[in-house]
């Protein structure tokens, strides 16, 4: 009889215990939906110039991404050796570079669509929100957003296994080894400047 009572109590409590997880899932999904709404708006009339796309998506990216955590993970163990001022400078440059990178990639999505899947995969304290980005020509890619406990994006996975943070960490290894924090800031800012200065690709002749 005692076991039956415990089982019945567990059934009653189960929905109450599950509610926070479901609420957390919805918050994670909404983070990505809001980000994609900004992306869609930025290219609804075509790709347009890169600086305009950067301006259009910056507020949403600032809100969605946990840049301090992303910069720290991308730098790795040397992060703890940076001064607070250096950490802030690296985070600022990292945010600028990644924002320009995403705005630059949006040119390929003009005329396409962004779909957020209504399901979440739990990975410890993090949640993975799967999405699909479909280009104008119909080609699509799976893009998964890793959202932390604060409902901020901490990593992005392309086709399930290509990690944005892992790619950034590889990219930063050389400037980090040769120039430390200053080298990373210089490299990231030059990378963003290079994308902004690049001339748009010529349209094919009709």
N, C-alpha and C. Protein backbone atom coordinates (compact mmCIF):
# COMPACT_ATOMS: atom_id res chain seq x y z
N UNK A 1 0.83 -1.20 0.00
CA UNK A 1 0.00 0.00 0.00
C UNK A 1 0.87 1.26 0.00
N UNK A 2 1.98 1.21 0.76
CA UNK A 2 2.88 2.36 0.81
C UNK A 2 3.49 2.64 -0.57
N UNK A 3 3.85 1.59 -1.31
CA UNK A 3 4.41 1.75 -2.64
C UNK A 3 3.39 2.35 -3.61
N UNK A 4 2.14 1.92 -3.46
CA UNK A 4 1.08 2.43 -4.33
C UNK A 4 0.88 3.92 -4.09
N UNK A 5 0.90 4.31 -2.78
CA UNK A 5 0.74 5.72 -2.46
C UNK A 5 1.87 6.56 -3.04
N UNK A 6 3.10 6.04 -2.95
CA UNK A 6 4.25 6.75 -3.49
C UNK A 6 4.13 6.91 -5.01
N UNK A 7 3.67 5.84 -5.67
CA UNK A 7 3.52 5.88 -7.12
C UNK A 7 2.46 6.91 -7.51
N UNK A 8 1.34 6.93 -6.77
CA UNK A 8 0.27 7.88 -7.06
C UNK A 8 0.75 9.31 -6.83
N UNK A 9 1.53 9.52 -5.77
CA UNK A 9 2.06 10.86 -5.50
C UNK A 9 3.00 11.31 -6.61
N UNK A 10 3.79 10.35 -7.13
CA UNK A 10 4.72 10.69 -8.22
C UNK A 10 3.96 11.12 -9.46
N UNK A 11 2.84 10.47 -9.73
CA UNK A 11 2.04 10.83 -10.90
C UNK A 11 1.46 12.23 -10.76
N UNK A 12 1.06 12.58 -9.55
CA UNK A 12 0.49 13.89 -9.31
C UNK A 12 1.55 14.98 -9.43
N UNK A 13 2.75 14.68 -8.93
CA UNK A 13 3.82 15.67 -8.93
C UNK A 13 4.51 15.82 -10.28
N UNK A 14 4.44 14.78 -11.13
CA UNK A 14 5.19 14.79 -12.39
C UNK A 14 4.92 16.01 -13.24
N UNK A 15 3.65 16.40 -13.47
CA UNK A 15 3.42 17.59 -14.30
C UNK A 15 4.02 18.85 -13.70
N UNK A 16 3.99 18.94 -12.35
CA UNK A 16 4.54 20.11 -11.70
C UNK A 16 6.04 20.18 -11.87
N UNK A 17 6.69 19.03 -11.81
CA UNK A 17 8.14 18.99 -11.96
C UNK A 17 8.54 19.22 -13.41
N UNK A 18 7.71 18.85 -14.35
CA UNK A 18 8.06 18.99 -15.76
C UNK A 18 7.86 20.41 -16.27
N UNK A 19 7.00 21.19 -15.59
CA UNK A 19 6.65 22.51 -16.08
C UNK A 19 7.85 23.43 -16.28
N UNK A 20 8.81 23.51 -15.30
CA UNK A 20 9.94 24.41 -15.53
C UNK A 20 10.75 24.05 -16.77
N UNK A 21 10.93 22.75 -17.03
CA UNK A 21 11.70 22.32 -18.19
C UNK A 21 11.00 22.75 -19.48
N UNK A 22 9.66 22.59 -19.50
CA UNK A 22 8.92 22.98 -20.68
C UNK A 22 8.98 24.49 -20.88
N UNK A 23 8.88 25.23 -19.79
CA UNK A 23 8.99 26.68 -19.89
C UNK A 23 10.37 27.08 -20.39
N UNK A 24 11.39 26.38 -19.91
CA UNK A 24 12.75 26.65 -20.36
C UNK A 24 12.92 26.34 -21.83
N UNK A 25 12.30 25.26 -22.27
CA UNK A 25 12.35 24.90 -23.68
C UNK A 25 11.75 26.01 -24.54
N UNK A 26 10.60 26.51 -24.14
CA UNK A 26 9.92 27.53 -24.91
C UNK A 26 10.75 28.83 -24.94
N UNK A 27 11.41 29.14 -23.84
CA UNK A 27 12.25 30.34 -23.80
C UNK A 27 13.43 30.19 -24.76
N UNK A 28 14.01 28.99 -24.80
CA UNK A 28 15.12 28.74 -25.72
C UNK A 28 14.67 28.85 -27.17
N UNK A 29 13.52 28.29 -27.46
CA UNK A 29 12.97 28.36 -28.82
C UNK A 29 12.68 29.80 -29.20
N UNK A 30 12.14 30.57 -28.25
CA UNK A 30 11.79 31.96 -28.54
C UNK A 30 13.04 32.80 -28.82
N UNK A 31 14.14 32.49 -28.12
CA UNK A 31 15.40 33.19 -28.39
C UNK A 31 15.79 33.05 -29.86
N UNK A 32 15.66 31.84 -30.38
CA UNK A 32 16.04 31.58 -31.77
C UNK A 32 15.01 32.16 -32.73
N UNK A 33 13.74 32.08 -32.37
CA UNK A 33 12.70 32.67 -33.23
C UNK A 33 12.91 34.18 -33.39
N UNK A 34 13.21 34.85 -32.29
CA UNK A 34 13.43 36.29 -32.36
C UNK A 34 14.64 36.62 -33.23
N UNK A 35 15.68 35.82 -33.10
CA UNK A 35 16.89 36.02 -33.91
C UNK A 35 16.57 35.84 -35.39
N UNK A 36 15.84 34.78 -35.71
CA UNK A 36 15.50 34.51 -37.11
C UNK A 36 14.53 35.56 -37.66
N UNK A 37 13.67 36.10 -36.83
CA UNK A 37 12.78 37.16 -37.30
C UNK A 37 13.59 38.37 -37.76
N UNK A 38 14.65 38.66 -37.02
CA UNK A 38 15.55 39.76 -37.42
C UNK A 38 16.27 39.43 -38.71
N UNK A 39 16.73 38.19 -38.85
CA UNK A 39 17.42 37.78 -40.08
C UNK A 39 16.49 37.90 -41.28
N UNK A 40 15.26 37.42 -41.12
CA UNK A 40 14.29 37.47 -42.22
C UNK A 40 14.00 38.91 -42.63
N UNK A 41 13.84 39.78 -41.64
CA UNK A 41 13.56 41.19 -41.94
C UNK A 41 14.72 41.85 -42.65
N UNK A 42 15.94 41.44 -42.30
CA UNK A 42 17.13 42.07 -42.88
C UNK A 42 17.28 41.78 -44.36
N UNK A 43 16.74 40.65 -44.83
CA UNK A 43 16.91 40.28 -46.24
C UNK A 43 15.58 40.15 -46.98
N UNK A 44 14.51 40.69 -46.41
CA UNK A 44 13.19 40.53 -47.04
C UNK A 44 13.10 41.24 -48.40
N UNK A 45 13.89 42.29 -48.58
CA UNK A 45 13.91 43.00 -49.85
C UNK A 45 15.19 42.72 -50.64
N UNK A 46 15.82 41.59 -50.36
CA UNK A 46 17.08 41.25 -51.00
C UNK A 46 18.24 41.42 -50.02
N UNK A 47 19.39 40.98 -50.44
CA UNK A 47 20.54 41.00 -49.54
C UNK A 47 20.94 42.42 -49.14
N UNK A 48 20.98 43.34 -50.09
CA UNK A 48 21.40 44.70 -49.78
C UNK A 48 22.87 44.76 -49.39
N UNK A 49 23.39 45.95 -49.10
CA UNK A 49 24.80 46.08 -48.72
C UNK A 49 25.06 45.50 -47.33
N UNK A 50 26.25 44.98 -47.14
CA UNK A 50 26.61 44.35 -45.88
C UNK A 50 26.47 45.30 -44.69
N UNK A 51 26.97 46.55 -44.75
CA UNK A 51 26.82 47.43 -43.58
C UNK A 51 25.37 47.59 -43.13
N UNK A 52 24.44 47.62 -44.09
CA UNK A 52 23.02 47.74 -43.74
C UNK A 52 22.53 46.49 -43.04
N UNK A 53 22.99 45.32 -43.48
CA UNK A 53 22.60 44.08 -42.82
C UNK A 53 23.17 44.01 -41.41
N UNK A 54 24.40 44.47 -41.25
CA UNK A 54 25.02 44.49 -39.91
C UNK A 54 24.19 45.35 -38.97
N UNK A 55 23.81 46.52 -39.43
CA UNK A 55 23.01 47.43 -38.61
C UNK A 55 21.66 46.82 -38.27
N UNK A 56 21.07 46.10 -39.23
CA UNK A 56 19.74 45.53 -39.04
C UNK A 56 19.73 44.40 -38.01
N UNK A 57 20.76 43.57 -38.02
CA UNK A 57 20.74 42.38 -37.15
C UNK A 57 21.47 42.56 -35.83
N UNK A 58 22.25 43.62 -35.67
CA UNK A 58 23.06 43.78 -34.46
C UNK A 58 22.23 43.75 -33.18
N UNK A 59 21.11 44.48 -33.06
CA UNK A 59 20.35 44.42 -31.80
C UNK A 59 19.89 43.01 -31.44
N UNK A 60 19.40 42.26 -32.42
CA UNK A 60 18.91 40.90 -32.15
C UNK A 60 20.05 39.96 -31.78
N UNK A 61 21.19 40.11 -32.45
CA UNK A 61 22.34 39.26 -32.14
C UNK A 61 22.88 39.58 -30.75
N UNK A 62 22.94 40.87 -30.41
CA UNK A 62 23.37 41.26 -29.07
C UNK A 62 22.50 40.62 -28.00
N UNK A 63 21.19 40.59 -28.27
CA UNK A 63 20.25 40.04 -27.30
C UNK A 63 20.33 38.51 -27.21
N UNK A 64 20.55 37.86 -28.36
CA UNK A 64 20.48 36.40 -28.41
C UNK A 64 21.75 35.70 -27.96
N UNK A 65 22.92 36.26 -28.29
CA UNK A 65 24.18 35.56 -28.08
C UNK A 65 24.84 35.93 -26.75
N UNK A 66 25.42 34.94 -26.09
CA UNK A 66 26.19 35.16 -24.87
C UNK A 66 27.66 35.35 -25.27
N UNK A 67 28.00 36.54 -25.73
CA UNK A 67 29.33 36.78 -26.26
C UNK A 67 30.45 36.63 -25.23
N UNK A 68 30.28 37.06 -23.97
CA UNK A 68 31.36 36.83 -22.99
C UNK A 68 31.69 35.35 -22.84
N UNK A 69 30.67 34.50 -22.77
CA UNK A 69 30.91 33.06 -22.65
C UNK A 69 31.55 32.50 -23.92
N UNK A 70 31.07 32.94 -25.08
CA UNK A 70 31.60 32.44 -26.34
C UNK A 70 33.06 32.84 -26.52
N UNK A 71 33.38 34.09 -26.20
CA UNK A 71 34.77 34.54 -26.33
C UNK A 71 35.68 33.78 -25.39
N UNK A 72 35.22 33.57 -24.17
CA UNK A 72 36.04 32.84 -23.18
C UNK A 72 36.32 31.42 -23.65
N UNK A 73 35.31 30.74 -24.16
CA UNK A 73 35.49 29.36 -24.61
C UNK A 73 36.37 29.32 -25.86
N UNK A 74 36.20 30.28 -26.76
CA UNK A 74 37.00 30.31 -27.99
C UNK A 74 38.48 30.54 -27.68
N UNK A 75 38.76 31.38 -26.70
CA UNK A 75 40.15 31.64 -26.33
C UNK A 75 40.76 30.45 -25.59
N UNK A 76 39.97 29.84 -24.71
CA UNK A 76 40.47 28.68 -24.00
C UNK A 76 41.20 29.02 -22.71
N UNK A 77 42.17 28.20 -22.34
CA UNK A 77 42.83 28.30 -21.04
C UNK A 77 43.57 29.62 -20.82
N UNK A 78 43.96 30.29 -21.88
CA UNK A 78 44.70 31.55 -21.73
C UNK A 78 43.81 32.71 -21.30
N UNK A 79 42.50 32.49 -21.34
CA UNK A 79 41.57 33.54 -20.95
C UNK A 79 41.83 34.02 -19.52
N UNK A 80 42.10 33.08 -18.62
CA UNK A 80 42.29 33.44 -17.21
C UNK A 80 43.53 34.30 -16.99
N UNK A 81 44.45 34.29 -17.96
CA UNK A 81 45.65 35.11 -17.85
C UNK A 81 45.47 36.52 -18.37
N UNK A 82 44.33 36.81 -18.99
CA UNK A 82 44.04 38.15 -19.49
C UNK A 82 43.58 39.04 -18.33
N UNK A 83 43.90 40.32 -18.41
CA UNK A 83 43.37 41.27 -17.45
C UNK A 83 41.89 41.50 -17.76
N UNK A 84 41.11 42.02 -16.80
CA UNK A 84 39.70 42.32 -17.10
C UNK A 84 39.53 43.23 -18.31
N UNK A 85 40.45 44.19 -18.48
CA UNK A 85 40.38 45.09 -19.63
C UNK A 85 40.63 44.34 -20.93
N UNK A 86 41.57 43.40 -20.91
CA UNK A 86 41.85 42.59 -22.09
C UNK A 86 40.67 41.68 -22.42
N UNK A 87 40.05 41.10 -21.40
CA UNK A 87 38.89 40.25 -21.62
C UNK A 87 37.75 41.04 -22.26
N UNK A 88 37.53 42.27 -21.79
CA UNK A 88 36.50 43.11 -22.37
C UNK A 88 36.81 43.46 -23.82
N UNK A 89 38.08 43.76 -24.10
CA UNK A 89 38.48 44.12 -25.47
C UNK A 89 38.31 42.93 -26.41
N UNK A 90 38.70 41.74 -25.95
CA UNK A 90 38.55 40.54 -26.77
C UNK A 90 37.08 40.24 -27.02
N UNK A 91 36.27 40.36 -25.98
CA UNK A 91 34.83 40.10 -26.13
C UNK A 91 34.20 41.07 -27.11
N UNK A 92 34.57 42.34 -27.03
CA UNK A 92 34.03 43.35 -27.94
C UNK A 92 34.42 43.05 -29.38
N UNK A 93 35.69 42.71 -29.61
CA UNK A 93 36.15 42.39 -30.96
C UNK A 93 35.52 41.09 -31.47
N UNK A 94 35.37 40.12 -30.58
CA UNK A 94 34.75 38.84 -30.94
C UNK A 94 33.30 39.08 -31.37
N UNK A 95 32.59 39.89 -30.59
CA UNK A 95 31.19 40.20 -30.92
C UNK A 95 31.10 40.89 -32.28
N UNK A 96 31.96 41.85 -32.51
CA UNK A 96 31.92 42.58 -33.78
C UNK A 96 32.21 41.65 -34.95
N UNK A 97 33.24 40.82 -34.82
CA UNK A 97 33.61 39.91 -35.90
C UNK A 97 32.50 38.92 -36.20
N UNK A 98 31.91 38.34 -35.15
CA UNK A 98 30.89 37.32 -35.38
C UNK A 98 29.60 37.95 -35.92
N UNK A 99 29.28 39.15 -35.47
CA UNK A 99 28.09 39.83 -35.98
C UNK A 99 28.24 40.13 -37.47
N UNK A 100 29.40 40.63 -37.87
CA UNK A 100 29.64 40.89 -39.29
C UNK A 100 29.63 39.58 -40.08
N UNK A 101 30.18 38.52 -39.49
CA UNK A 101 30.20 37.21 -40.15
C UNK A 101 28.79 36.73 -40.45
N UNK A 102 27.90 36.81 -39.45
CA UNK A 102 26.53 36.34 -39.65
C UNK A 102 25.77 37.24 -40.64
N UNK A 103 25.98 38.54 -40.55
CA UNK A 103 25.35 39.43 -41.51
C UNK A 103 25.85 39.14 -42.93
N UNK A 104 27.13 38.81 -43.05
CA UNK A 104 27.70 38.48 -44.35
C UNK A 104 27.10 37.19 -44.91
N UNK A 105 26.91 36.20 -44.05
CA UNK A 105 26.34 34.93 -44.49
C UNK A 105 24.90 35.08 -44.93
N UNK A 106 24.22 36.09 -44.41
CA UNK A 106 22.80 36.27 -44.74
C UNK A 106 22.56 36.52 -46.22
N UNK A 107 23.58 36.98 -46.93
CA UNK A 107 23.41 37.23 -48.36
C UNK A 107 23.01 35.95 -49.09
N UNK A 108 23.44 34.80 -48.56
CA UNK A 108 23.12 33.52 -49.19
C UNK A 108 21.69 33.08 -48.88
N UNK A 109 21.09 33.71 -47.86
CA UNK A 109 19.74 33.31 -47.45
C UNK A 109 18.66 34.23 -47.99
N UNK A 110 19.04 35.30 -48.68
CA UNK A 110 18.05 36.22 -49.24
C UNK A 110 17.12 35.47 -50.18
N UNK A 111 15.82 35.63 -49.98
CA UNK A 111 14.85 34.92 -50.80
C UNK A 111 14.53 33.53 -50.28
N UNK A 112 15.21 33.11 -49.22
CA UNK A 112 14.95 31.80 -48.63
C UNK A 112 14.10 31.92 -47.38
N UNK A 113 14.23 30.95 -46.48
CA UNK A 113 13.43 31.01 -45.25
C UNK A 113 14.17 30.33 -44.10
N UNK A 114 13.74 30.69 -42.88
CA UNK A 114 14.33 30.17 -41.65
C UNK A 114 13.23 29.47 -40.87
N UNK A 115 13.40 28.20 -40.58
CA UNK A 115 12.39 27.42 -39.86
C UNK A 115 12.97 26.93 -38.53
N UNK A 116 12.26 27.22 -37.44
CA UNK A 116 12.64 26.75 -36.11
C UNK A 116 11.78 25.54 -35.77
N UNK A 117 12.42 24.43 -35.42
CA UNK A 117 11.69 23.21 -35.09
C UNK A 117 11.16 23.29 -33.65
N UNK A 118 9.91 22.89 -33.42
CA UNK A 118 9.32 23.01 -32.08
C UNK A 118 9.73 21.86 -31.16
N UNK A 119 11.02 21.63 -31.06
CA UNK A 119 11.50 20.58 -30.17
C UNK A 119 12.88 20.99 -29.67
N UNK A 120 13.23 20.49 -28.51
CA UNK A 120 14.49 20.85 -27.88
C UNK A 120 15.17 19.59 -27.36
N UNK A 121 16.46 19.50 -27.56
CA UNK A 121 17.25 18.39 -27.02
C UNK A 121 18.03 18.90 -25.82
N UNK A 122 17.88 18.23 -24.69
CA UNK A 122 18.59 18.63 -23.48
C UNK A 122 20.01 18.07 -23.49
N UNK A 123 20.99 18.92 -23.18
CA UNK A 123 22.38 18.50 -23.03
C UNK A 123 22.91 19.11 -21.75
N UNK A 124 22.65 18.43 -20.65
CA UNK A 124 23.00 18.97 -19.35
C UNK A 124 22.16 20.20 -19.08
N UNK A 125 22.83 21.32 -18.75
CA UNK A 125 22.11 22.57 -18.49
C UNK A 125 21.79 23.32 -19.78
N UNK A 126 22.29 22.81 -20.89
CA UNK A 126 22.07 23.48 -22.17
C UNK A 126 20.96 22.79 -22.96
N UNK A 127 20.37 23.56 -23.86
CA UNK A 127 19.33 23.03 -24.73
C UNK A 127 19.71 23.30 -26.18
N UNK A 128 19.45 22.34 -27.03
CA UNK A 128 19.77 22.48 -28.46
C UNK A 128 18.46 22.67 -29.22
N UNK A 129 18.36 23.82 -29.90
CA UNK A 129 17.18 24.15 -30.69
C UNK A 129 17.50 23.91 -32.16
N UNK A 130 16.89 22.91 -32.79
CA UNK A 130 17.18 22.62 -34.20
C UNK A 130 16.42 23.55 -35.13
N UNK A 131 17.07 23.96 -36.20
CA UNK A 131 16.43 24.80 -37.21
C UNK A 131 16.87 24.34 -38.59
N UNK A 132 16.19 24.87 -39.60
CA UNK A 132 16.57 24.60 -40.98
C UNK A 132 16.57 25.91 -41.75
N UNK A 133 17.66 26.17 -42.45
CA UNK A 133 17.78 27.37 -43.28
C UNK A 133 17.72 26.93 -44.74
N UNK A 134 16.77 27.45 -45.47
CA UNK A 134 16.59 27.08 -46.87
C UNK A 134 16.93 28.27 -47.77
N UNK A 135 17.87 28.07 -48.67
CA UNK A 135 18.28 29.13 -49.58
C UNK A 135 17.23 29.31 -50.68
N UNK A 136 17.39 30.37 -51.46
CA UNK A 136 16.43 30.68 -52.51
C UNK A 136 16.33 29.56 -53.53
N UNK A 137 17.45 28.86 -53.78
CA UNK A 137 17.46 27.79 -54.78
C UNK A 137 16.93 26.47 -54.23
N UNK A 138 16.49 26.47 -52.96
CA UNK A 138 15.92 25.27 -52.37
C UNK A 138 16.89 24.44 -51.57
N UNK A 139 18.18 24.76 -51.64
CA UNK A 139 19.17 24.03 -50.86
C UNK A 139 19.01 24.38 -49.39
N UNK A 140 18.98 23.36 -48.52
CA UNK A 140 18.78 23.66 -47.10
C UNK A 140 19.90 23.08 -46.24
N UNK A 141 20.06 23.67 -45.07
CA UNK A 141 21.08 23.25 -44.12
C UNK A 141 20.47 23.17 -42.73
N UNK A 142 20.89 22.16 -41.97
CA UNK A 142 20.46 22.05 -40.58
C UNK A 142 21.37 22.93 -39.72
N UNK A 143 20.77 23.80 -38.93
CA UNK A 143 21.52 24.68 -38.05
C UNK A 143 20.94 24.54 -36.64
N UNK A 144 21.76 24.07 -35.70
CA UNK A 144 21.31 23.86 -34.33
C UNK A 144 21.92 24.92 -33.42
N UNK A 145 21.08 25.55 -32.60
CA UNK A 145 21.53 26.57 -31.67
C UNK A 145 21.63 25.98 -30.27
N UNK A 146 22.80 26.08 -29.67
CA UNK A 146 23.02 25.60 -28.30
C UNK A 146 22.74 26.78 -27.37
N UNK A 147 21.68 26.66 -26.58
CA UNK A 147 21.22 27.74 -25.71
C UNK A 147 21.51 27.39 -24.26
N UNK A 148 22.12 28.32 -23.53
CA UNK A 148 22.49 28.02 -22.15
C UNK A 148 21.35 28.28 -21.17
N UNK A 149 21.64 28.14 -19.88
CA UNK A 149 20.60 28.26 -18.85
C UNK A 149 20.03 29.67 -18.77
N UNK A 150 20.75 30.65 -19.32
CA UNK A 150 20.26 32.03 -19.33
C UNK A 150 19.50 32.37 -20.61
N UNK A 151 19.19 31.33 -21.39
CA UNK A 151 18.44 31.49 -22.65
C UNK A 151 19.21 32.33 -23.66
N UNK A 152 20.53 32.20 -23.65
CA UNK A 152 21.38 32.89 -24.62
C UNK A 152 22.13 31.85 -25.44
N UNK A 153 22.33 32.14 -26.70
CA UNK A 153 23.04 31.22 -27.60
C UNK A 153 24.53 31.19 -27.22
N UNK A 154 25.05 29.97 -27.04
CA UNK A 154 26.46 29.81 -26.67
C UNK A 154 27.26 29.11 -27.76
N UNK A 155 26.58 28.48 -28.69
CA UNK A 155 27.26 27.85 -29.83
C UNK A 155 26.24 27.60 -30.92
N UNK A 156 26.73 27.43 -32.13
CA UNK A 156 25.87 27.13 -33.28
C UNK A 156 26.51 25.95 -34.01
N UNK A 157 25.70 24.94 -34.31
CA UNK A 157 26.19 23.73 -34.96
C UNK A 157 25.61 23.64 -36.37
N UNK A 158 26.48 23.52 -37.36
CA UNK A 158 26.04 23.37 -38.74
C UNK A 158 25.97 21.89 -39.08
N UNK A 159 24.82 21.47 -39.57
CA UNK A 159 24.59 20.07 -39.94
C UNK A 159 24.93 19.11 -38.81
N UNK A 160 24.71 19.58 -37.58
CA UNK A 160 24.83 18.71 -36.42
C UNK A 160 26.20 18.53 -35.82
N UNK A 161 27.27 18.90 -36.55
CA UNK A 161 28.59 18.57 -36.00
C UNK A 161 29.66 19.65 -36.20
N UNK A 162 29.40 20.66 -36.99
CA UNK A 162 30.41 21.72 -37.20
C UNK A 162 30.13 22.84 -36.22
N UNK A 163 30.95 22.94 -35.18
CA UNK A 163 30.74 23.90 -34.11
C UNK A 163 31.33 25.26 -34.45
N UNK A 164 30.52 26.32 -34.30
CA UNK A 164 31.01 27.67 -34.53
C UNK A 164 32.14 28.01 -33.56
N UNK A 165 31.97 27.65 -32.30
CA UNK A 165 32.99 27.96 -31.29
C UNK A 165 34.27 27.20 -31.57
N UNK A 166 34.16 25.94 -31.98
CA UNK A 166 35.37 25.16 -32.29
C UNK A 166 36.09 25.78 -33.48
N UNK A 167 35.33 26.25 -34.48
CA UNK A 167 35.95 26.89 -35.64
C UNK A 167 36.63 28.19 -35.23
N UNK A 168 35.97 28.97 -34.37
CA UNK A 168 36.56 30.21 -33.89
C UNK A 168 37.84 29.94 -33.09
N UNK A 169 37.81 28.91 -32.29
CA UNK A 169 38.98 28.57 -31.47
C UNK A 169 40.17 28.20 -32.35
N UNK A 170 39.93 27.44 -33.40
CA UNK A 170 40.98 27.08 -34.34
C UNK A 170 41.52 28.33 -35.04
N UNK A 171 40.63 29.21 -35.43
CA UNK A 171 41.00 30.42 -36.15
C UNK A 171 41.83 31.35 -35.27
N UNK A 172 41.53 31.38 -33.97
CA UNK A 172 42.22 32.30 -33.05
C UNK A 172 43.53 31.75 -32.51
N UNK A 173 43.80 30.49 -32.75
CA UNK A 173 44.99 29.85 -32.16
C UNK A 173 46.28 30.57 -32.55
N UNK A 174 46.44 30.90 -33.81
CA UNK A 174 47.69 31.52 -34.26
C UNK A 174 47.86 32.94 -33.73
N UNK A 175 46.87 33.85 -33.89
CA UNK A 175 47.04 35.19 -33.33
C UNK A 175 47.17 35.19 -31.81
N UNK A 176 46.54 34.22 -31.15
CA UNK A 176 46.64 34.12 -29.70
C UNK A 176 48.05 33.72 -29.28
N UNK A 177 48.63 32.77 -30.02
CA UNK A 177 49.98 32.31 -29.69
C UNK A 177 51.03 33.37 -29.96
N UNK A 178 50.84 34.16 -31.01
CA UNK A 178 51.85 35.14 -31.40
C UNK A 178 51.68 36.50 -30.74
N UNK A 179 50.43 36.86 -30.41
CA UNK A 179 50.21 38.21 -29.90
C UNK A 179 49.36 38.32 -28.66
N UNK A 180 48.96 37.18 -28.08
CA UNK A 180 48.15 37.24 -26.88
C UNK A 180 46.82 37.93 -27.12
N UNK A 181 46.31 38.61 -26.09
CA UNK A 181 45.01 39.27 -26.19
C UNK A 181 45.02 40.35 -27.26
N UNK A 182 46.10 41.13 -27.31
CA UNK A 182 46.18 42.20 -28.32
C UNK A 182 46.18 41.62 -29.74
N UNK A 183 46.85 40.49 -29.90
CA UNK A 183 46.88 39.84 -31.21
C UNK A 183 45.50 39.36 -31.63
N UNK A 184 44.72 38.84 -30.67
CA UNK A 184 43.37 38.37 -30.96
C UNK A 184 42.48 39.54 -31.36
N UNK A 185 42.55 40.64 -30.60
CA UNK A 185 41.74 41.83 -30.90
C UNK A 185 42.08 42.35 -32.30
N UNK A 186 43.35 42.46 -32.59
CA UNK A 186 43.79 42.96 -33.90
C UNK A 186 43.28 42.05 -35.02
N UNK A 187 43.43 40.75 -34.85
CA UNK A 187 43.01 39.79 -35.86
C UNK A 187 41.50 39.88 -36.10
N UNK A 188 40.71 39.91 -35.04
CA UNK A 188 39.25 39.93 -35.18
C UNK A 188 38.76 41.22 -35.83
N UNK A 189 39.35 42.34 -35.43
CA UNK A 189 38.93 43.61 -36.02
C UNK A 189 39.32 43.69 -37.50
N UNK A 190 40.51 43.20 -37.83
CA UNK A 190 40.92 43.19 -39.23
C UNK A 190 40.04 42.26 -40.06
N UNK A 191 39.61 41.18 -39.47
CA UNK A 191 38.73 40.25 -40.17
C UNK A 191 37.38 40.92 -40.46
N UNK A 192 36.82 41.60 -39.47
CA UNK A 192 35.56 42.30 -39.67
C UNK A 192 35.72 43.42 -40.69
N UNK A 193 36.81 44.18 -40.59
CA UNK A 193 37.08 45.26 -41.55
C UNK A 193 37.19 44.73 -42.97
N UNK A 194 37.83 43.57 -43.11
CA UNK A 194 38.00 42.98 -44.44
C UNK A 194 36.68 42.60 -45.06
N UNK A 195 35.76 42.03 -44.27
CA UNK A 195 34.45 41.67 -44.81
C UNK A 195 33.66 42.91 -45.20
N UNK A 196 33.75 43.95 -44.37
CA UNK A 196 32.98 45.16 -44.64
C UNK A 196 33.52 45.91 -45.86
N UNK A 197 34.81 45.77 -46.12
CA UNK A 197 35.42 46.48 -47.23
C UNK A 197 35.31 45.73 -48.56
N UNK A 198 34.99 44.45 -48.49
CA UNK A 198 34.94 43.63 -49.70
C UNK A 198 33.81 44.10 -50.62
N UNK A 199 34.08 44.09 -51.91
CA UNK A 199 33.07 44.48 -52.89
C UNK A 199 32.10 43.31 -53.10
N UNK A 200 30.80 43.61 -53.21
CA UNK A 200 29.82 42.55 -53.46
C UNK A 200 30.17 41.80 -54.75
N UNK A 201 29.87 40.52 -54.77
CA UNK A 201 30.10 39.73 -55.96
C UNK A 201 29.22 40.23 -57.10
N UNK A 202 29.80 40.29 -58.28
CA UNK A 202 29.04 40.75 -59.45
C UNK A 202 27.93 39.78 -59.79
N UNK A 203 26.77 40.32 -60.16
CA UNK A 203 25.65 39.48 -60.55
C UNK A 203 25.91 38.88 -61.93
N UNK A 204 25.54 37.61 -62.14
CA UNK A 204 25.75 37.00 -63.45
C UNK A 204 24.92 37.69 -64.52
N UNK A 205 25.44 37.74 -65.72
CA UNK A 205 24.73 38.37 -66.84
C UNK A 205 23.46 37.60 -67.15
N UNK A 206 22.43 38.34 -67.48
CA UNK A 206 21.14 37.70 -67.80
C UNK A 206 21.14 37.19 -69.24
